[in-house]
Structure formats: structure tokens, C-alpha cells
Amino acid sequence: MMAQFLNSLVFGIYPYIALSVLAIGSVVRYDREPYSWRSGSSQLLRRRQLMIGSVLFHLGVLLIFAGHFVGLLTPIQIFDAMGISHGAKQLLAIIAGGVAGVFAFIGASMLLHRRLFDPRIRRNSSFSDIAILFLLWLQLVLGLATIFISLDHLDGHEMVKFMSWAQGIFTFEAGAAAYVMDVHPIFKAHLFLGLTILLVFPFTRLVHMLSAPIRYIWRPGYQIVRSKRSTV
């Protein structure tokens, strides 16, 4: 009974708490602290490692996010209608997710190393800067670890459980947490940490992911002119 209660709490109630804080917190921060809505780049302090790590990290994360979004929230019936078996979908997720995960992990490791071991960058980094990067790094470790477990479930049966859970959460299905009751603990840790990252999202530099610099396309250019003032 206790295991069922904890499972319902973490995977049935906690997702709504995390998503609510994500939505409301992001709106409030954008409204009350618009000047803090930025990535806070430390490029000027050390550029080369930032560029390599940042490109690998962002490329990997974008691919992972797109894969999770499409893979988890697309109704199973659509894959069935397209003739994509659960096993084929599972294998595709392992290969594509594995490649993207390695890219993101290497990039995150470089960025985290840079934050921790470069004295100047360490002094100019806040606790949240380091903490959120470490959480993302740990989430990537857990995600890559799930690949080895998924290799034992190439029929796609386990993936269907996560799809049913995610879609059940977004459709307010009662008892959606039951879908992931008996999955491997590493999968549960991966899900829990993912929800936690969504929870703290509005309070970190990750908010810049919600913004696209589209207005810069038509924004008029600026020119800074320094004038000489004559002294009397």
C-alpha cells in the first residue's frame, strides 16, 4: 500500500505541481523580472570550451526534447496506423536517443567542468547556475543508463507504459501513475528528476529556452556614438 501511495504521489500528483509551477512561475518571472530573462552567458571569460560544449549540449538536448515530445505524446494509434511497430519505435528511440544523449552528455560535462574548475567563471557563477547544470548532467546520465535496460525490452512494451502515463497526465486520466508502477527504478528516477527540472525551471537561466529572438529580425539597428565635450 505504501509503495502504491508513493507511486501515486510522485507520478500522479507531482507532475501537476511541477507543470503548474513551470507555467505560473515562468509568467510571473517574465512579468516581474524581465531583465533576468536571459541565459547569462560567460562567453567573454572563456570562449572556446563554451562554444564546443554549448553546441554539443544544445544540439543533443533539442533532439532529445523533440524525441521525447513526439514519442511520448503522440497517440499510440497514430504509430499503429502508420505501420510503425512498438519494437521499431523502441529501437529508434534507443539509437537516436543514444546518439543525442552522448552529444548532450559530452557538452554538459564540458560546461560543468568549465563552471567548476575555471576560477573566474566559478566566481561569476551563482548557485543556481551550477545546480541546474549538474541536474541536467545527472538527468543525462540517468537517460543514458535507461538504454541498457531498454535493450532487454525491444518489443516496446515498456515504452508503451511511458506513453500511456504521459498522455494520461495531459488528459487528466485518473490513475495514470499506475502505468509506471512496476517499471525499473532507473526509469522512475529519470522521470522524477525530469519533473523536478520542470519545477525549478522558472527560477533558473533555463527560462531563455522559452524565448526566440524573432524581434531582432525587424528591430532597427543601433549605433553608439561617443561625442567629445569641450572643456571650458
C-alpha atoms as a PDB file:
ATOM      1  CA  MET A   1       0.000   0.000   0.000  1.00  0.00           C
ATOM      2  CA  MET A   2       2.798   2.418   0.868  1.00  0.00           C
ATOM      3  CA  ALA A   3       4.509   1.726  -2.477  1.00  0.00           C
ATOM      4  CA  GLN A   4       1.268   2.451  -4.331  1.00  0.00           C
ATOM      5  CA  PHE A   5       0.740   5.652  -2.357  1.00  0.00           C
ATOM      6  CA  LEU A   6       4.261   6.918  -3.085  1.00  0.00           C
ATOM      7  CA  ASN A   7       3.907   5.980  -6.751  1.00  0.00           C
ATOM      8  CA  SER A   8       0.620   7.888  -6.991  1.00  0.00           C
ATOM      9  CA  LEU A   9       2.129  10.858  -5.164  1.00  0.00           C
ATOM     10  CA  VAL A  10       5.255  11.085  -7.320  1.00  0.00           C
ATOM     11  CA  PHE A  11       3.814  10.139 -10.704  1.00  0.00           C
ATOM     12  CA  GLY A  12       0.181  11.112 -10.272  1.00  0.00           C
ATOM     13  CA  ILE A  13       0.217  14.356  -8.265  1.00  0.00           C
ATOM     14  CA  TYR A  14       3.769  15.688  -8.520  1.00  0.00           C
ATOM     15  CA  PRO A  15       3.562  16.109 -12.337  1.00  0.00           C
ATOM     16  CA  TYR A  16       0.700  18.602 -11.940  1.00  0.00           C
ATOM     17  CA  ILE A  17       2.605  20.502  -9.251  1.00  0.00           C
ATOM     18  CA  ALA A  18       5.697  20.689 -11.458  1.00  0.00           C
ATOM     19  CA  LEU A  19       3.760  21.749 -14.573  1.00  0.00           C
ATOM     20  CA  SER A  20       1.751  24.355 -12.624  1.00  0.00           C
ATOM     21  CA  VAL A  21       4.894  25.906 -11.131  1.00  0.00           C
ATOM     22  CA  LEU A  22       6.508  25.826 -14.580  1.00  0.00           C
ATOM     23  CA  ALA A  23       3.633  27.713 -16.210  1.00  0.00           C
ATOM     24  CA  ILE A  24       2.772  30.174 -13.449  1.00  0.00           C
ATOM     25  CA  GLY A  25       6.355  30.767 -12.360  1.00  0.00           C
ATOM     26  CA  SER A  26       7.511  31.499 -15.895  1.00  0.00           C
ATOM     27  CA  VAL A  27       4.731  34.027 -16.471  1.00  0.00           C
ATOM     28  CA  VAL A  28       5.344  35.758 -13.140  1.00  0.00           C
ATOM     29  CA  ARG A  29       9.089  35.961 -13.684  1.00  0.00           C
ATOM     30  CA  TYR A  30       8.706  37.349 -17.194  1.00  0.00           C
ATOM     31  CA  ASP A  31       6.258  39.944 -15.896  1.00  0.00           C
ATOM     32  CA  ARG A  32       8.116  40.978 -12.736  1.00  0.00           C
ATOM     33  CA  GLU A  33      11.767  40.380 -13.675  1.00  0.00           C
ATOM     34  CA  PRO A  34      12.040  40.747 -17.457  1.00  0.00           C
ATOM     35  CA  TYR A  35      15.707  41.761 -17.300  1.00  0.00           C
ATOM     36  CA  SER A  36      16.587  38.466 -15.613  1.00  0.00           C
ATOM     37  CA  TRP A  37      15.052  36.547 -18.539  1.00  0.00           C
ATOM     38  CA  ARG A  38      18.354  35.655 -20.167  1.00  0.00           C
ATOM     39  CA  SER A  39      20.963  32.925 -20.326  1.00  0.00           C
ATOM     40  CA  GLY A  40      23.645  34.953 -18.549  1.00  0.00           C
ATOM     41  CA  SER A  41      26.440  33.867 -20.880  1.00  0.00           C
ATOM     42  CA  SER A  42      30.023  33.770 -19.608  1.00  0.00           C
ATOM     43  CA  GLN A  43      31.430  33.767 -23.125  1.00  0.00           C
ATOM     44  CA  LEU A  44      33.708  36.737 -22.502  1.00  0.00           C
ATOM     45  CA  LEU A  45      35.515  34.864 -19.718  1.00  0.00           C
ATOM     46  CA  ARG A  46      36.382  31.747 -21.707  1.00  0.00           C
ATOM     47  CA  ARG A  47      35.090  31.234 -25.205  1.00  0.00           C
ATOM     48  CA  ARG A  48      36.484  28.062 -26.813  1.00  0.00           C
ATOM     49  CA  GLN A  49      35.285  25.435 -24.328  1.00  0.00           C
ATOM     50  CA  LEU A  50      31.955  27.248 -24.067  1.00  0.00           C
ATOM     51  CA  MET A  51      31.332  27.147 -27.810  1.00  0.00           C
ATOM     52  CA  ILE A  52      32.191  23.465 -28.265  1.00  0.00           C
ATOM     53  CA  GLY A  53      30.342  22.353 -25.149  1.00  0.00           C
ATOM     54  CA  SER A  54      27.375  24.616 -25.821  1.00  0.00           C
ATOM     55  CA  VAL A  55      26.901  23.415 -29.405  1.00  0.00           C
ATOM     56  CA  LEU A  56      27.068  19.743 -28.403  1.00  0.00           C
ATOM     57  CA  PHE A  57      24.813  20.288 -25.392  1.00  0.00           C
ATOM     58  CA  HIS A  58      22.132  22.321 -27.153  1.00  0.00           C
ATOM     59  CA  LEU A  59      22.091  20.083 -30.228  1.00  0.00           C
ATOM     60  CA  GLY A  60      21.727  16.976 -28.096  1.00  0.00           C
ATOM     61  CA  VAL A  61      19.104  18.466 -25.790  1.00  0.00           C
ATOM     62  CA  LEU A  62      16.986  19.780 -28.667  1.00  0.00           C
ATOM     63  CA  LEU A  63      16.990  16.358 -30.315  1.00  0.00           C
ATOM     64  CA  ILE A  64      16.179  14.673 -27.007  1.00  0.00           C
ATOM     65  CA  PHE A  65      13.354  17.101 -26.272  1.00  0.00           C
ATOM     66  CA  ALA A  66      11.857  16.664 -29.732  1.00  0.00           C
ATOM     67  CA  GLY A  67      12.137  12.890 -29.460  1.00  0.00           C
ATOM     68  CA  HIS A  68      10.516  12.793 -26.027  1.00  0.00           C
ATOM     69  CA  PHE A  69       7.756  15.196 -27.041  1.00  0.00           C
ATOM     70  CA  VAL A  70       6.813  13.302 -30.198  1.00  0.00           C
ATOM     71  CA  GLY A  71       7.484   9.860 -28.792  1.00  0.00           C
ATOM     72  CA  LEU A  72       5.562  10.258 -25.553  1.00  0.00           C
ATOM     73  CA  LEU A  73       2.663  12.477 -26.562  1.00  0.00           C
ATOM     74  CA  THR A  74       1.802  11.081 -29.986  1.00  0.00           C
ATOM     75  CA  PRO A  75      -1.180   8.730 -29.580  1.00  0.00           C
ATOM     76  CA  ILE A  76      -0.222   5.090 -29.971  1.00  0.00           C
ATOM     77  CA  GLN A  77      -2.972   4.649 -32.566  1.00  0.00           C
ATOM     78  CA  ILE A  78      -1.119   7.000 -34.932  1.00  0.00           C
ATOM     79  CA  PHE A  79       2.014   4.842 -34.861  1.00  0.00           C
ATOM     80  CA  ASP A  80      -0.146   1.755 -35.395  1.00  0.00           C
ATOM     81  CA  ALA A  81      -1.900   3.381 -38.350  1.00  0.00           C
ATOM     82  CA  MET A  82       1.474   4.281 -39.883  1.00  0.00           C
ATOM     83  CA  GLY A  83       2.614   0.692 -39.535  1.00  0.00           C
ATOM     84  CA  ILE A  84       5.342   1.506 -37.016  1.00  0.00           C
ATOM     85  CA  SER A  85       5.552  -1.336 -34.540  1.00  0.00           C
ATOM     86  CA  HIS A  86       6.289  -0.798 -30.885  1.00  0.00           C
ATOM     87  CA  GLY A  87       9.550  -2.656 -31.282  1.00  0.00           C
ATOM     88  CA  ALA A  88      10.677  -0.453 -34.180  1.00  0.00           C
ATOM     89  CA  LYS A  89       9.789   2.655 -32.213  1.00  0.00           C
ATOM     90  CA  GLN A  90      11.733   1.347 -29.229  1.00  0.00           C
ATOM     91  CA  LEU A  91      14.803   0.620 -31.373  1.00  0.00           C
ATOM     92  CA  LEU A  92      14.608   4.060 -32.990  1.00  0.00           C
ATOM     93  CA  ALA A  93      14.400   5.680 -29.562  1.00  0.00           C
ATOM     94  CA  ILE A  94      17.437   3.742 -28.369  1.00  0.00           C
ATOM     95  CA  ILE A  95      19.584   4.663 -31.387  1.00  0.00           C
ATOM     96  CA  ALA A  96      18.508   8.280 -31.890  1.00  0.00           C
ATOM     97  CA  GLY A  97      18.205   8.981 -28.176  1.00  0.00           C
ATOM     98  CA  GLY A  98      21.551   7.350 -27.514  1.00  0.00           C
ATOM     99  CA  VAL A  99      23.393   9.460 -30.093  1.00  0.00           C
ATOM    100  CA  ALA A 100      21.707  12.681 -28.958  1.00  0.00           C
ATOM    101  CA  GLY A 101      22.278  11.750 -25.329  1.00  0.00           C
ATOM    102  CA  VAL A 102      26.002  11.232 -25.869  1.00  0.00           C
ATOM    103  CA  PHE A 103      26.274  14.614 -27.609  1.00  0.00           C
ATOM    104  CA  ALA A 104      24.413  16.332 -24.790  1.00  0.00           C
ATOM    105  CA  PHE A 105      26.372  14.482 -22.098  1.00  0.00           C
ATOM    106  CA  ILE A 106      29.753  15.457 -23.569  1.00  0.00           C
ATOM    107  CA  GLY A 107      28.593  19.067 -23.920  1.00  0.00           C
ATOM    108  CA  ALA A 108      27.149  19.199 -20.407  1.00  0.00           C
ATOM    109  CA  SER A 109      30.329  17.671 -18.969  1.00  0.00           C
ATOM    110  CA  MET A 110      32.435  20.338 -20.679  1.00  0.00           C
ATOM    111  CA  LEU A 111      30.159  23.130 -19.477  1.00  0.00           C
ATOM    112  CA  LEU A 112      30.047  21.777 -15.924  1.00  0.00           C
ATOM    113  CA  HIS A 113      33.829  21.337 -15.831  1.00  0.00           C
ATOM    114  CA  ARG A 114      34.192  24.896 -17.041  1.00  0.00           C
ATOM    115  CA  ARG A 115      31.860  26.201 -14.329  1.00  0.00           C
ATOM    116  CA  LEU A 116      33.559  24.273 -11.533  1.00  0.00           C
ATOM    117  CA  PHE A 117      37.247  24.452 -12.381  1.00  0.00           C
ATOM    118  CA  ASP A 118      37.765  27.819 -14.060  1.00  0.00           C
ATOM    119  CA  PRO A 119      38.353  30.244 -11.129  1.00  0.00           C
ATOM    120  CA  ARG A 120      36.991  33.307 -12.901  1.00  0.00           C
ATOM    121  CA  ILE A 121      33.853  31.579 -14.150  1.00  0.00           C
ATOM    122  CA  ARG A 122      33.319  29.927 -10.769  1.00  0.00           C
ATOM    123  CA  ARG A 123      33.374  33.331  -9.065  1.00  0.00           C
ATOM    124  CA  ASN A 124      30.871  34.709 -11.569  1.00  0.00           C
ATOM    125  CA  SER A 125      28.510  31.712 -11.336  1.00  0.00           C
ATOM    126  CA  SER A 126      25.569  31.631  -8.969  1.00  0.00           C
ATOM    127  CA  PHE A 127      24.479  28.568  -7.043  1.00  0.00           C
ATOM    128  CA  SER A 128      21.531  28.080  -9.399  1.00  0.00           C
ATOM    129  CA  ASP A 129      23.842  28.209 -12.445  1.00  0.00           C
ATOM    130  CA  ILE A 130      25.885  25.283 -11.178  1.00  0.00           C
ATOM    131  CA  ALA A 131      22.976  23.407  -9.598  1.00  0.00           C
ATOM    132  CA  ILE A 132      20.781  23.349 -12.706  1.00  0.00           C
ATOM    133  CA  LEU A 133      23.708  22.328 -14.897  1.00  0.00           C
ATOM    134  CA  PHE A 134      24.505  19.490 -12.505  1.00  0.00           C
ATOM    135  CA  LEU A 135      20.839  18.381 -12.507  1.00  0.00           C
ATOM    136  CA  LEU A 136      20.836  18.335 -16.303  1.00  0.00           C
ATOM    137  CA  TRP A 137      24.106  16.379 -16.332  1.00  0.00           C
ATOM    138  CA  LEU A 138      22.672  13.859 -13.867  1.00  0.00           C
ATOM    139  CA  GLN A 139      19.478  13.576 -15.909  1.00  0.00           C
ATOM    140  CA  LEU A 140      21.540  12.759 -18.993  1.00  0.00           C
ATOM    141  CA  VAL A 141      23.424  10.080 -17.040  1.00  0.00           C
ATOM    142  CA  LEU A 142      20.126   8.504 -15.989  1.00  0.00           C
ATOM    143  CA  GLY A 143      18.761   8.778 -19.506  1.00  0.00           C
ATOM    144  CA  LEU A 144      21.782   7.011 -20.990  1.00  0.00           C
ATOM    145  CA  ALA A 145      21.551   4.359 -18.269  1.00  0.00           C
ATOM    146  CA  THR A 146      17.987   3.550 -19.319  1.00  0.00           C
ATOM    147  CA  ILE A 147      19.270   2.482 -22.740  1.00  0.00           C
ATOM    148  CA  PHE A 148      20.858  -0.648 -21.305  1.00  0.00           C
ATOM    149  CA  ILE A 149      17.583  -1.549 -19.614  1.00  0.00           C
ATOM    150  CA  SER A 150      15.597  -0.846 -22.770  1.00  0.00           C
ATOM    151  CA  LEU A 151      17.760  -3.345 -24.675  1.00  0.00           C
ATOM    152  CA  ASP A 152      16.015  -6.042 -22.644  1.00  0.00           C
ATOM    153  CA  HIS A 153      12.611  -4.744 -23.767  1.00  0.00           C
ATOM    154  CA  LEU A 154      12.968  -4.470 -27.536  1.00  0.00           C
ATOM    155  CA  ASP A 155       9.336  -5.420 -28.000  1.00  0.00           C
ATOM    156  CA  GLY A 156       8.436  -1.866 -26.983  1.00  0.00           C
ATOM    157  CA  HIS A 157       6.150  -2.948 -24.166  1.00  0.00           C
ATOM    158  CA  GLU A 158       7.893  -0.740 -21.597  1.00  0.00           C
ATOM    159  CA  MET A 159       7.786   2.285 -23.886  1.00  0.00           C
ATOM    160  CA  VAL A 160       4.021   1.928 -24.229  1.00  0.00           C
ATOM    161  CA  LYS A 161       3.773   2.281 -20.454  1.00  0.00           C
ATOM    162  CA  PHE A 162       5.556   5.653 -20.532  1.00  0.00           C
ATOM    163  CA  MET A 163       3.472   6.837 -23.467  1.00  0.00           C
ATOM    164  CA  SER A 164       0.277   5.870 -21.657  1.00  0.00           C
ATOM    165  CA  TRP A 165       1.486   7.621 -18.486  1.00  0.00           C
ATOM    166  CA  ALA A 166       2.484  10.870 -20.216  1.00  0.00           C
ATOM    167  CA  GLN A 167      -0.714  11.049 -22.256  1.00  0.00           C
ATOM    168  CA  GLY A 168      -2.741  10.140 -19.177  1.00  0.00           C
ATOM    169  CA  ILE A 169      -1.235  13.052 -17.260  1.00  0.00           C
ATOM    170  CA  PHE A 170      -2.056  15.554 -20.001  1.00  0.00           C
ATOM    171  CA  THR A 171      -5.599  14.220 -20.387  1.00  0.00           C
ATOM    172  CA  PHE A 172      -6.154  14.189 -16.607  1.00  0.00           C
ATOM    173  CA  GLU A 173      -6.682  10.441 -16.567  1.00  0.00           C
ATOM    174  CA  ALA A 174      -7.323   9.186 -13.063  1.00  0.00           C
ATOM    175  CA  GLY A 175      -4.805   6.581 -12.002  1.00  0.00           C
ATOM    176  CA  ALA A 176      -2.292   7.409 -14.729  1.00  0.00           C
ATOM    177  CA  ALA A 177       0.509   6.728 -12.238  1.00  0.00           C
ATOM    178  CA  ALA A 178      -0.391   3.033 -12.319  1.00  0.00           C
ATOM    179  CA  TYR A 179       1.151   2.725 -15.789  1.00  0.00           C
ATOM    180  CA  VAL A 180       4.658   3.184 -14.356  1.00  0.00           C
ATOM    181  CA  MET A 181       4.132   1.346 -11.084  1.00  0.00           C
ATOM    182  CA  ASP A 182       6.323  -1.625 -11.963  1.00  0.00           C
ATOM    183  CA  VAL A 183       8.965  -0.045 -14.228  1.00  0.00           C
ATOM    184  CA  HIS A 184      12.663  -0.182 -13.397  1.00  0.00           C
ATOM    185  CA  PRO A 185      13.833   2.203 -10.606  1.00  0.00           C
ATOM    186  CA  ILE A 186      16.220   3.959 -13.016  1.00  0.00           C
ATOM    187  CA  PHE A 187      13.273   4.879 -15.218  1.00  0.00           C
ATOM    188  CA  LYS A 188      11.445   6.201 -12.170  1.00  0.00           C
ATOM    189  CA  ALA A 189      14.469   8.246 -11.114  1.00  0.00           C
ATOM    190  CA  HIS A 190      14.712   9.637 -14.655  1.00  0.00           C
ATOM    191  CA  LEU A 191      11.049  10.643 -14.632  1.00  0.00           C
ATOM    192  CA  PHE A 192      11.240  12.151 -11.151  1.00  0.00           C
ATOM    193  CA  LEU A 193      14.330  14.218 -11.924  1.00  0.00           C
ATOM    194  CA  GLY A 194      12.772  15.375 -15.188  1.00  0.00           C
ATOM    195  CA  LEU A 195       9.716  16.626 -13.303  1.00  0.00           C
ATOM    196  CA  THR A 196      11.971  18.313 -10.745  1.00  0.00           C
ATOM    197  CA  ILE A 197      13.825  20.157 -13.507  1.00  0.00           C
ATOM    198  CA  LEU A 198      10.467  21.423 -14.769  1.00  0.00           C
ATOM    199  CA  LEU A 199       9.646  22.518 -11.214  1.00  0.00           C
ATOM    200  CA  VAL A 200      12.787  24.653 -10.797  1.00  0.00           C
ATOM    201  CA  PHE A 201      12.807  25.776 -14.449  1.00  0.00           C
ATOM    202  CA  PRO A 202      11.283  29.263 -13.853  1.00  0.00           C
ATOM    203  CA  PHE A 203      13.888  30.088 -11.203  1.00  0.00           C
ATOM    204  CA  THR A 204      16.948  29.338 -13.336  1.00  0.00           C
ATOM    205  CA  ARG A 205      18.634  30.518 -16.512  1.00  0.00           C
ATOM    206  CA  LEU A 206      16.723  27.823 -18.412  1.00  0.00           C
ATOM    207  CA  VAL A 207      13.898  30.299 -18.987  1.00  0.00           C
ATOM    208  CA  HIS A 208      15.763  31.589 -22.028  1.00  0.00           C
ATOM    209  CA  MET A 209      14.669  28.376 -23.771  1.00  0.00           C
ATOM    210  CA  LEU A 210      11.138  29.788 -23.917  1.00  0.00           C
ATOM    211  CA  SER A 211      12.251  32.831 -25.884  1.00  0.00           C
ATOM    212  CA  ALA A 212      13.134  33.119 -29.536  1.00  0.00           C
ATOM    213  CA  PRO A 213      14.920  36.324 -30.699  1.00  0.00           C
ATOM    214  CA  ILE A 214      12.467  36.793 -33.556  1.00  0.00           C
ATOM    215  CA  ARG A 215      12.023  40.532 -32.949  1.00  0.00           C
ATOM    216  CA  TYR A 216      15.694  41.110 -33.721  1.00  0.00           C
ATOM    217  CA  ILE A 217      14.936  40.364 -37.379  1.00  0.00           C
ATOM    218  CA  TRP A 218      12.999  43.621 -37.872  1.00  0.00           C
ATOM    219  CA  ARG A 219      14.469  45.648 -34.992  1.00  0.00           C
ATOM    220  CA  PRO A 220      16.256  48.749 -36.304  1.00  0.00           C
ATOM    221  CA  GLY A 221      19.997  48.801 -35.825  1.00  0.00           C
ATOM    222  CA  TYR A 222      21.676  50.843 -33.155  1.00  0.00           C
ATOM    223  CA  GLN A 223      24.867  52.834 -33.411  1.00  0.00           C
ATOM    224  CA  ILE A 224      26.736  54.064 -30.374  1.00  0.00           C
ATOM    225  CA  VAL A 225      28.409  57.413 -30.928  1.00  0.00           C
ATOM    226  CA  ARG A 226      30.875  58.902 -28.492  1.00  0.00           C
ATOM    227  CA  SER A 227      30.929  62.668 -28.551  1.00  0.00           C
ATOM    228  CA  LYS A 228      33.749  64.873 -27.362  1.00  0.00           C
ATOM    229  CA  ARG A 229      32.777  67.569 -24.947  1.00  0.00           C
ATOM    230  CA  SER A 230      34.832  70.680 -24.953  1.00  0.00           C
ATOM    231  CA  THR A 231      36.109  71.775 -21.607  1.00  0.00           C
ATOM    232  CA  VAL A 232      35.959  75.403 -20.579  1.00  0.00           C
END
